[in-house]
Structures are given as structure tokens and as C-alpha cells.
PDB file of all heavy atoms in Angstrom:
ATOM      1  N   LEU A   1       0.871  -1.188   0.000  1.00  0.00           N
ATOM      2  CA  LEU A   1       0.000   0.000   0.000  1.00  0.00           C
ATOM      3  C   LEU A   1       0.899   1.226   0.000  1.00  0.00           C
ATOM      4  O   LEU A   1       1.265   1.753   1.043  1.00  0.00           O
ATOM      5  CB  LEU A   1      -0.918  -0.011   1.228  1.00  0.00           C
ATOM      6  CG  LEU A   1      -1.739  -1.285   1.446  1.00  0.00           C
ATOM      7  CD1 LEU A   1      -2.635  -1.140   2.669  1.00  0.00           C
ATOM      8  CD2 LEU A   1      -2.574  -1.615   0.215  1.00  0.00           C
ATOM      9  N   ARG A   2       1.257   1.654  -1.186  1.00  0.00           N
ATOM     10  CA  ARG A   2       2.251   2.717  -1.315  1.00  0.00           C
ATOM     11  C   ARG A   2       1.663   4.086  -1.015  1.00  0.00           C
ATOM     12  O   ARG A   2       0.632   4.463  -1.565  1.00  0.00           O
ATOM     13  CB  ARG A   2       2.828   2.712  -2.728  1.00  0.00           C
ATOM     14  CG  ARG A   2       3.526   1.413  -3.092  1.00  0.00           C
ATOM     15  CD  ARG A   2       3.928   1.382  -4.543  1.00  0.00           C
ATOM     16  NE  ARG A   2       4.418   0.058  -4.919  1.00  0.00           N
ATOM     17  CZ  ARG A   2       4.659  -0.325  -6.175  1.00  0.00           C
ATOM     18  NH1 ARG A   2       4.448   0.523  -7.157  1.00  0.00           N
ATOM     19  NH2 ARG A   2       5.108  -1.542  -6.426  1.00  0.00           N
ATOM     20  N   GLY A   3       2.352   4.826  -0.158  1.00  0.00           N
ATOM     21  CA  GLY A   3       2.025   6.225   0.038  1.00  0.00           C
ATOM     22  C   GLY A   3       0.975   6.554   1.074  1.00  0.00           C
ATOM     23  O   GLY A   3       0.672   7.729   1.285  1.00  0.00           O
ATOM     24  N   PHE A   4       0.422   5.556   1.769  1.00  0.00           N
ATOM     25  CA  PHE A   4      -0.661   5.871   2.713  1.00  0.00           C
ATOM     26  C   PHE A   4      -0.168   6.712   3.884  1.00  0.00           C
ATOM     27  O   PHE A   4      -0.937   7.449   4.494  1.00  0.00           O
ATOM     28  CB  PHE A   4      -1.332   4.586   3.226  1.00  0.00           C
ATOM     29  CG  PHE A   4      -0.603   3.871   4.322  1.00  0.00           C
ATOM     30  CD1 PHE A   4      -0.906   4.122   5.652  1.00  0.00           C
ATOM     31  CD2 PHE A   4       0.397   2.955   4.028  1.00  0.00           C
ATOM     32  CE1 PHE A   4      -0.239   3.467   6.674  1.00  0.00           C
ATOM     33  CE2 PHE A   4       1.068   2.296   5.035  1.00  0.00           C
ATOM     34  CZ  PHE A   4       0.751   2.544   6.362  1.00  0.00           C
ATOM     35  N   SER A   5       1.123   6.606   4.219  1.00  0.00           N
ATOM     36  CA  SER A   5       1.626   7.337   5.386  1.00  0.00           C
ATOM     37  C   SER A   5       2.737   8.323   5.035  1.00  0.00           C
ATOM     38  O   SER A   5       3.456   8.787   5.919  1.00  0.00           O
ATOM     39  CB  SER A   5       2.140   6.349   6.439  1.00  0.00           C
ATOM     40  OG  SER A   5       3.231   5.594   5.929  1.00  0.00           O
ATOM     41  N   SER A   6       2.888   8.658   3.755  1.00  0.00           N
ATOM     42  CA  SER A   6       3.995   9.531   3.337  1.00  0.00           C
ATOM     43  C   SER A   6       3.972  10.879   4.050  1.00  0.00           C
ATOM     44  O   SER A   6       5.007  11.355   4.537  1.00  0.00           O
ATOM     45  CB  SER A   6       3.945   9.751   1.816  1.00  0.00           C
ATOM     46  OG  SER A   6       4.095   8.542   1.126  1.00  0.00           O
ATOM     47  N   ILE A   7       2.809  11.502   4.112  1.00  0.00           N
ATOM     48  CA  ILE A   7       2.703  12.812   4.760  1.00  0.00           C
ATOM     49  C   ILE A   7       2.955  12.695   6.255  1.00  0.00           C
ATOM     50  O   ILE A   7       3.659  13.529   6.852  1.00  0.00           O
ATOM     51  CB  ILE A   7       1.318  13.439   4.501  1.00  0.00           C
ATOM     52  CG1 ILE A   7       1.086  13.610   3.004  1.00  0.00           C
ATOM     53  CG2 ILE A   7       1.193  14.779   5.223  1.00  0.00           C
ATOM     54  CD1 ILE A   7       2.118  14.451   2.295  1.00  0.00           C
ATOM     55  N   ALA A   8       2.410  11.658   6.879  1.00  0.00           N
ATOM     56  CA  ALA A   8       2.607  11.458   8.316  1.00  0.00           C
ATOM     57  C   ALA A   8       4.084  11.310   8.645  1.00  0.00           C
ATOM     58  O   ALA A   8       4.603  11.928   9.586  1.00  0.00           O
ATOM     59  CB  ALA A   8       1.830  10.228   8.780  1.00  0.00           C
ATOM     60  N   VAL A   9       4.786  10.491   7.866  1.00  0.00           N
ATOM     61  CA  VAL A   9       6.210  10.258   8.118  1.00  0.00           C
ATOM     62  C   VAL A   9       7.018  11.532   7.878  1.00  0.00           C
ATOM     63  O   VAL A   9       7.916  11.872   8.657  1.00  0.00           O
ATOM     64  CB  VAL A   9       6.728   9.108   7.228  1.00  0.00           C
ATOM     65  CG1 VAL A   9       8.241   8.969   7.356  1.00  0.00           C
ATOM     66  CG2 VAL A   9       6.051   7.795   7.609  1.00  0.00           C
ATOM     67  N   ALA A  10       6.684  12.255   6.816  1.00  0.00           N
ATOM     68  CA  ALA A  10       7.396  13.498   6.517  1.00  0.00           C
ATOM     69  C   ALA A  10       7.213  14.525   7.625  1.00  0.00           C
ATOM     70  O   ALA A  10       8.151  15.237   8.004  1.00  0.00           O
ATOM     71  CB  ALA A  10       6.922  14.064   5.176  1.00  0.00           C
ATOM     72  N   GLU A  11       6.014  14.614   8.167  1.00  0.00           N
ATOM     73  CA  GLU A  11       5.757  15.575   9.249  1.00  0.00           C
ATOM     74  C   GLU A  11       6.464  15.157  10.534  1.00  0.00           C
ATOM     75  O   GLU A  11       6.924  16.004  11.305  1.00  0.00           O
ATOM     76  CB  GLU A  11       4.250  15.728   9.459  1.00  0.00           C
ATOM     77  CG  GLU A  11       3.573  16.437   8.283  1.00  0.00           C
ATOM     78  CD  GLU A  11       2.091  16.687   8.504  1.00  0.00           C
ATOM     79  OE1 GLU A  11       1.544  16.234   9.538  1.00  0.00           O
ATOM     80  OE2 GLU A  11       1.473  17.335   7.640  1.00  0.00           O
ATOM     81  N   TRP A  12       6.567  13.838  10.768  1.00  0.00           N
ATOM     82  CA  TRP A  12       7.300  13.354  11.942  1.00  0.00           C
ATOM     83  C   TRP A  12       8.785  13.721  11.822  1.00  0.00           C
ATOM     84  O   TRP A  12       9.406  14.159  12.790  1.00  0.00           O
ATOM     85  CB  TRP A  12       7.110  11.847  12.064  1.00  0.00           C
ATOM     86  CG  TRP A  12       7.696  11.202  13.283  1.00  0.00           C
ATOM     87  CD1 TRP A  12       8.929  10.636  13.394  1.00  0.00           C
ATOM     88  CD2 TRP A  12       7.072  11.017  14.566  1.00  0.00           C
ATOM     89  NE1 TRP A  12       9.109  10.113  14.649  1.00  0.00           N
ATOM     90  CE2 TRP A  12       7.977  10.335  15.386  1.00  0.00           C
ATOM     91  CE3 TRP A  12       5.820  11.369  15.065  1.00  0.00           C
ATOM     92  CZ2 TRP A  12       7.684   9.991  16.701  1.00  0.00           C
ATOM     93  CZ3 TRP A  12       5.532  11.032  16.382  1.00  0.00           C
ATOM     94  CH2 TRP A  12       6.460  10.351  17.187  1.00  0.00           C
ATOM     95  N   ALA A  13       9.335  13.537  10.632  1.00  0.00           N
ATOM     96  CA  ALA A  13      10.729  13.901  10.397  1.00  0.00           C
ATOM     97  C   ALA A  13      10.935  15.396  10.607  1.00  0.00           C
ATOM     98  O   ALA A  13      11.934  15.834  11.190  1.00  0.00           O
ATOM     99  CB  ALA A  13      11.148  13.500   8.980  1.00  0.00           C
ATOM    100  N   THR A  14       9.975  16.190  10.148  1.00  0.00           N
ATOM    101  CA  THR A  14      10.048  17.640  10.330  1.00  0.00           C
ATOM    102  C   THR A  14      10.022  17.996  11.811  1.00  0.00           C
ATOM    103  O   THR A  14      10.761  18.881  12.275  1.00  0.00           O
ATOM    104  CB  THR A  14       8.878  18.319   9.603  1.00  0.00           C
ATOM    105  OG1 THR A  14       8.897  17.946   8.224  1.00  0.00           O
ATOM    106  CG2 THR A  14       8.957  19.835   9.721  1.00  0.00           C
ATOM    107  N   MET A  15       9.176  17.307  12.565  1.00  0.00           N
ATOM    108  CA  MET A  15       9.117  17.516  14.016  1.00  0.00           C
ATOM    109  C   MET A  15      10.458  17.220  14.674  1.00  0.00           C
ATOM    110  O   MET A  15      10.929  17.971  15.527  1.00  0.00           O
ATOM    111  CB  MET A  15       8.009  16.648  14.611  1.00  0.00           C
ATOM    112  CG  MET A  15       7.866  16.710  16.120  1.00  0.00           C
ATOM    113  SD  MET A  15       8.870  15.476  16.985  1.00  0.00           S
ATOM    114  CE  MET A  15       8.074  13.957  16.458  1.00  0.00           C
ATOM    115  N   MET A  16      11.112  16.127  14.254  1.00  0.00           N
ATOM    116  CA  MET A  16      12.419  15.793  14.819  1.00  0.00           C
ATOM    117  C   MET A  16      13.452  16.872  14.499  1.00  0.00           C
ATOM    118  O   MET A  16      14.262  17.242  15.352  1.00  0.00           O
ATOM    119  CB  MET A  16      12.884  14.435  14.299  1.00  0.00           C
ATOM    120  CG  MET A  16      12.211  13.251  14.957  1.00  0.00           C
ATOM    121  SD  MET A  16      13.130  11.693  14.695  1.00  0.00           S
ATOM    122  CE  MET A  16      12.632  11.296  13.012  1.00  0.00           C
ATOM    123  N   VAL A  17      13.415  17.371  13.268  1.00  0.00           N
ATOM    124  CA  VAL A  17      14.339  18.436  12.878  1.00  0.00           C
ATOM    125  C   VAL A  17      14.166  19.657  13.771  1.00  0.00           C
ATOM    126  O   VAL A  17      15.137  20.231  14.296  1.00  0.00           O
ATOM    127  CB  VAL A  17      14.138  18.825  11.396  1.00  0.00           C
ATOM    128  CG1 VAL A  17      14.908  20.104  11.066  1.00  0.00           C
ATOM    129  CG2 VAL A  17      14.588  17.695  10.480  1.00  0.00           C
ATOM    130  N   LEU A  18      12.922  20.075  13.972  1.00  0.00           N
ATOM    131  CA  LEU A  18      12.644  21.250  14.801  1.00  0.00           C
ATOM    132  C   LEU A  18      13.082  21.033  16.244  1.00  0.00           C
ATOM    133  O   LEU A  18      13.654  21.930  16.881  1.00  0.00           O
ATOM    134  CB  LEU A  18      11.155  21.587  14.735  1.00  0.00           C
ATOM    135  CG  LEU A  18      10.660  22.137  13.392  1.00  0.00           C
ATOM    136  CD1 LEU A  18       9.146  22.106  13.326  1.00  0.00           C
ATOM    137  CD2 LEU A  18      11.179  23.547  13.174  1.00  0.00           C
ATOM    138  N   ASN A  19      12.821  19.840  16.773  1.00  0.00           N
ATOM    139  CA  ASN A  19      13.221  19.543  18.152  1.00  0.00           C
ATOM    140  C   ASN A  19      14.731  19.568  18.324  1.00  0.00           C
ATOM    141  O   ASN A  19      15.251  20.082  19.324  1.00  0.00           O
ATOM    142  CB  ASN A  19      12.671  18.177  18.567  1.00  0.00           C
ATOM    143  CG  ASN A  19      11.271  18.255  19.137  1.00  0.00           C
ATOM    144  OD1 ASN A  19      11.073  18.467  20.320  1.00  0.00           O
ATOM    145  ND2 ASN A  19      10.281  18.094  18.274  1.00  0.00           N
ATOM    146  N   LEU A  20      15.450  19.011  17.358  1.00  0.00           N
ATOM    147  CA  LEU A  20      16.905  18.981  17.453  1.00  0.00           C
ATOM    148  C   LEU A  20      17.504  20.364  17.236  1.00  0.00           C
ATOM    149  O   LEU A  20      18.478  20.741  17.897  1.00  0.00           O
ATOM    150  CB  LEU A  20      17.474  17.989  16.444  1.00  0.00           C
ATOM    151  CG  LEU A  20      17.267  16.520  16.812  1.00  0.00           C
ATOM    152  CD1 LEU A  20      17.468  15.625  15.602  1.00  0.00           C
ATOM    153  CD2 LEU A  20      18.211  16.112  17.939  1.00  0.00           C
ATOM    154  N   ALA A  21      16.925  21.138  16.313  1.00  0.00           N
ATOM    155  CA  ALA A  21      17.431  22.481  16.060  1.00  0.00           C
ATOM    156  C   ALA A  21      17.347  23.353  17.307  1.00  0.00           C
ATOM    157  O   ALA A  21      18.198  24.222  17.528  1.00  0.00           O
ATOM    158  CB  ALA A  21      16.672  23.125  14.907  1.00  0.00           C
ATOM    159  N   ARG A  22      16.322  23.105  18.146  1.00  0.00           N
ATOM    160  CA  ARG A  22      16.170  23.892  19.368  1.00  0.00           C
ATOM    161  C   ARG A  22      16.645  23.136  20.628  1.00  0.00           C
ATOM    162  O   ARG A  22      16.337  23.516  21.746  1.00  0.00           O
ATOM    163  CB  ARG A  22      14.707  24.329  19.521  1.00  0.00           C
ATOM    164  CG  ARG A  22      14.204  25.186  18.373  1.00  0.00           C
ATOM    165  CD  ARG A  22      15.125  26.378  18.062  1.00  0.00           C
ATOM    166  NE  ARG A  22      15.167  27.320  19.151  1.00  0.00           N
ATOM    167  CZ  ARG A  22      14.377  28.412  19.227  1.00  0.00           C
ATOM    168  NH1 ARG A  22      13.509  28.659  18.260  1.00  0.00           N
ATOM    169  NH2 ARG A  22      14.471  29.226  20.241  1.00  0.00           N
ATOM    170  N   LYS A  23      17.403  22.067  20.419  1.00  0.00           N
ATOM    171  CA  LYS A  23      18.046  21.309  21.503  1.00  0.00           C
ATOM    172  C   LYS A  23      17.052  20.789  22.549  1.00  0.00           C
ATOM    173  O   LYS A  23      17.357  20.735  23.745  1.00  0.00           O
ATOM    174  CB  LYS A  23      19.123  22.152  22.193  1.00  0.00           C
ATOM    175  CG  LYS A  23      20.361  22.382  21.349  1.00  0.00           C
ATOM    176  CD  LYS A  23      21.471  23.019  22.178  1.00  0.00           C
ATOM    177  CE  LYS A  23      22.780  23.072  21.404  1.00  0.00           C
ATOM    178  NZ  LYS A  23      23.866  23.687  22.193  1.00  0.00           N
ATOM    179  N   ILE A  24      15.876  20.405  22.108  1.00  0.00           N
ATOM    180  CA  ILE A  24      14.875  19.904  23.047  1.00  0.00           C
ATOM    181  C   ILE A  24      15.347  18.682  23.835  1.00  0.00           C
ATOM    182  O   ILE A  24      15.081  18.591  25.045  1.00  0.00           O
ATOM    183  CB  ILE A  24      13.551  19.618  22.312  1.00  0.00           C
ATOM    184  CG1 ILE A  24      12.971  20.907  21.717  1.00  0.00           C
ATOM    185  CG2 ILE A  24      12.532  18.973  23.251  1.00  0.00           C
ATOM    186  CD1 ILE A  24      12.716  22.011  22.732  1.00  0.00           C
ATOM    187  N   PRO A  25      16.072  17.726  23.235  1.00  0.00           N
ATOM    188  CA  PRO A  25      16.553  16.601  24.047  1.00  0.00           C
ATOM    189  C   PRO A  25      17.436  17.038  25.220  1.00  0.00           C
ATOM    190  O   PRO A  25      17.306  16.511  26.325  1.00  0.00           O
ATOM    191  CB  PRO A  25      17.351  15.756  23.040  1.00  0.00           C
ATOM    192  CG  PRO A  25      16.721  16.054  21.723  1.00  0.00           C
ATOM    193  CD  PRO A  25      16.370  17.519  21.795  1.00  0.00           C
ATOM    194  N   ILE A  26      18.307  18.004  24.978  1.00  0.00           N
ATOM    195  CA  ILE A  26      19.176  18.491  26.049  1.00  0.00           C
ATOM    196  C   ILE A  26      18.372  19.269  27.089  1.00  0.00           C
ATOM    197  O   ILE A  26      18.587  19.126  28.303  1.00  0.00           O
ATOM    198  CB  ILE A  26      20.297  19.367  25.456  1.00  0.00           C
ATOM    199  CG1 ILE A  26      21.258  18.491  24.641  1.00  0.00           C
ATOM    200  CG2 ILE A  26      21.067  20.093  26.563  1.00  0.00           C
ATOM    201  CD1 ILE A  26      22.358  19.256  23.945  1.00  0.00           C
ATOM    202  N   ILE A  27      17.422  20.072  26.640  1.00  0.00           N
ATOM    203  CA  ILE A  27      16.584  20.836  27.573  1.00  0.00           C
ATOM    204  C   ILE A  27      15.769  19.892  28.457  1.00  0.00           C
ATOM    205  O   ILE A  27      15.630  20.112  29.659  1.00  0.00           O
ATOM    206  CB  ILE A  27      15.659  21.797  26.792  1.00  0.00           C
ATOM    207  CG1 ILE A  27      16.497  22.863  26.082  1.00  0.00           C
ATOM    208  CG2 ILE A  27      14.641  22.458  27.724  1.00  0.00           C
ATOM    209  CD1 ILE A  27      15.709  23.734  25.127  1.00  0.00           C
ATOM    210  N   ILE A  28      15.244  18.812  27.862  1.00  0.00           N
ATOM    211  CA  ILE A  28      14.499  17.825  28.651  1.00  0.00           C
ATOM    212  C   ILE A  28      15.399  17.192  29.698  1.00  0.00           C
ATOM    213  O   ILE A  28      15.019  17.054  30.874  1.00  0.00           O
ATOM    214  CB  ILE A  28      13.900  16.742  27.727  1.00  0.00           C
ATOM    215  CG1 ILE A  28      12.768  17.339  26.889  1.00  0.00           C
ATOM    216  CG2 ILE A  28      13.381  15.553  28.538  1.00  0.00           C
ATOM    217  CD1 ILE A  28      12.226  16.396  25.838  1.00  0.00           C
ATOM    218  N   LYS A  29      16.621  16.804  29.302  1.00  0.00           N
ATOM    219  CA  LYS A  29      17.552  16.181  30.250  1.00  0.00           C
ATOM    220  C   LYS A  29      17.986  17.156  31.344  1.00  0.00           C
ATOM    221  O   LYS A  29      18.385  16.732  32.425  1.00  0.00           O
ATOM    222  CB  LYS A  29      18.772  15.630  29.504  1.00  0.00           C
ATOM    223  CG  LYS A  29      18.466  14.342  28.729  1.00  0.00           C
ATOM    224  CD  LYS A  29      19.685  13.763  28.038  1.00  0.00           C
ATOM    225  CE  LYS A  29      20.032  14.495  26.772  1.00  0.00           C
ATOM    226  NZ  LYS A  29      21.086  13.785  25.989  1.00  0.00           N
ATOM    227  N   ASP A  30      17.885  18.443  31.055  1.00  0.00           N
ATOM    228  CA  ASP A  30      18.195  19.472  32.054  1.00  0.00           C
ATOM    229  C   ASP A  30      16.951  19.902  32.833  1.00  0.00           C
ATOM    230  O   ASP A  30      16.933  20.968  33.450  1.00  0.00           O
ATOM    231  CB  ASP A  30      18.822  20.698  31.382  1.00  0.00           C
ATOM    232  CG  ASP A  30      20.247  20.438  30.915  1.00  0.00           C
ATOM    233  OD1 ASP A  30      20.839  19.427  31.345  1.00  0.00           O
ATOM    234  OD2 ASP A  30      20.757  21.245  30.109  1.00  0.00           O
ATOM    235  N   SER A  31      15.916  19.062  32.790  1.00  0.00           N
ATOM    236  CA  SER A  31      14.665  19.306  33.536  1.00  0.00           C
ATOM    237  C   SER A  31      14.009  20.630  33.157  1.00  0.00           C
ATOM    238  O   SER A  31      13.431  21.305  34.001  1.00  0.00           O
ATOM    239  CB  SER A  31      14.927  19.248  35.051  1.00  0.00           C
ATOM    240  OG  SER A  31      15.438  17.983  35.408  1.00  0.00           O
ATOM    241  N   TRP A  32      14.116  21.004  31.894  1.00  0.00           N
ATOM    242  CA  TRP A  32      13.473  22.196  31.348  1.00  0.00           C
ATOM    243  C   TRP A  32      13.974  23.500  31.967  1.00  0.00           C
ATOM    244  O   TRP A  32      13.314  24.531  31.900  1.00  0.00           O
ATOM    245  CB  TRP A  32      11.951  22.107  31.468  1.00  0.00           C
ATOM    246  CG  TRP A  32      11.362  20.984  30.681  1.00  0.00           C
ATOM    247  CD1 TRP A  32      11.068  19.732  31.135  1.00  0.00           C
ATOM    248  CD2 TRP A  32      11.026  20.978  29.294  1.00  0.00           C
ATOM    249  NE1 TRP A  32      10.564  18.947  30.133  1.00  0.00           N
ATOM    250  CE2 TRP A  32      10.518  19.688  28.980  1.00  0.00           C
ATOM    251  CE3 TRP A  32      11.085  21.928  28.275  1.00  0.00           C
ATOM    252  CZ2 TRP A  32      10.092  19.338  27.699  1.00  0.00           C
ATOM    253  CZ3 TRP A  32      10.652  21.582  27.003  1.00  0.00           C
ATOM    254  CH2 TRP A  32      10.166  20.297  26.734  1.00  0.00           C
ATOM    255  N   LYS A  33      15.159  23.444  32.544  1.00  0.00           N
ATOM    256  CA  LYS A  33      15.739  24.678  33.083  1.00  0.00           C
ATOM    257  C   LYS A  33      16.249  25.539  31.933  1.00  0.00           C
ATOM    258  O   LYS A  33      16.605  25.048  30.877  1.00  0.00           O
ATOM    259  CB  LYS A  33      16.883  24.345  34.039  1.00  0.00           C
ATOM    260  CG  LYS A  33      16.447  23.582  35.284  1.00  0.00           C
ATOM    261  CD  LYS A  33      17.634  23.220  36.141  1.00  0.00           C
ATOM    262  CE  LYS A  33      17.203  22.409  37.360  1.00  0.00           C
ATOM    263  NZ  LYS A  33      18.356  21.975  38.192  1.00  0.00           N
ATOM    264  N   GLN A  34      16.315  26.843  32.174  1.00  0.00           N
ATOM    265  CA  GLN A  34      16.785  27.762  31.143  1.00  0.00           C
ATOM    266  C   GLN A  34      18.284  27.990  31.289  1.00  0.00           C
ATOM    267  O   GLN A  34      18.771  28.318  32.364  1.00  0.00           O
ATOM    268  CB  GLN A  34      16.062  29.105  31.251  1.00  0.00           C
ATOM    269  CG  GLN A  34      14.590  29.044  30.881  1.00  0.00           C
ATOM    270  CD  GLN A  34      13.929  30.407  30.956  1.00  0.00           C
ATOM    271  OE1 GLN A  34      14.469  31.332  31.539  1.00  0.00           O
ATOM    272  NE2 GLN A  34      12.752  30.541  30.357  1.00  0.00           N
ATOM    273  N   ASP A  35      18.991  27.799  30.194  1.00  0.00           N
ATOM    274  CA  ASP A  35      20.411  28.094  30.148  1.00  0.00           C
ATOM    275  C   ASP A  35      20.662  28.765  28.805  1.00  0.00           C
ATOM    276  O   ASP A  35      20.694  28.115  27.773  1.00  0.00           O
ATOM    277  CB  ASP A  35      21.243  26.813  30.271  1.00  0.00           C
ATOM    278  CG  ASP A  35      22.734  27.091  30.377  1.00  0.00           C
ATOM    279  OD1 ASP A  35      23.207  28.032  29.707  1.00  0.00           O
ATOM    280  OD2 ASP A  35      23.433  26.353  31.113  1.00  0.00           O
ATOM    281  N   PHE A  36      20.831  30.076  28.820  1.00  0.00           N
ATOM    282  CA  PHE A  36      20.884  30.831  27.579  1.00  0.00           C
ATOM    283  C   PHE A  36      22.180  30.626  26.800  1.00  0.00           C
ATOM    284  O   PHE A  36      22.330  31.137  25.688  1.00  0.00           O
ATOM    285  CB  PHE A  36      20.665  32.322  27.859  1.00  0.00           C
ATOM    286  CG  PHE A  36      19.309  32.610  28.428  1.00  0.00           C
ATOM    287  CD1 PHE A  36      19.176  33.198  29.685  1.00  0.00           C
ATOM    288  CD2 PHE A  36      18.162  32.277  27.726  1.00  0.00           C
ATOM    289  CE1 PHE A  36      17.924  33.460  30.215  1.00  0.00           C
ATOM    290  CE2 PHE A  36      16.900  32.531  28.254  1.00  0.00           C
ATOM    291  CZ  PHE A  36      16.784  33.122  29.501  1.00  0.00           C
TER     292      PHE A  36
END
């Protein structure tokens, strides 16, 4: 079944890009503290 989830997967990848660009994994590991 080709293409049924293409948009879903692309948007998930976009979400990962945005999270990494703003260092969300590191911020989460730092308990959401602010470090400018």
C-alpha cells in the first residue's frame, strides 16, 4: 500500500528536525531549566 503514510512520516521527520534544532533533548535532560 504505497504512500498511505507519506505525509505522516514526513511531518514526523520535520518535528524531529525542529526539536533537534532547538536542543529539546538536552533541555528535557536538564529538567526544562533555562540556560541561555
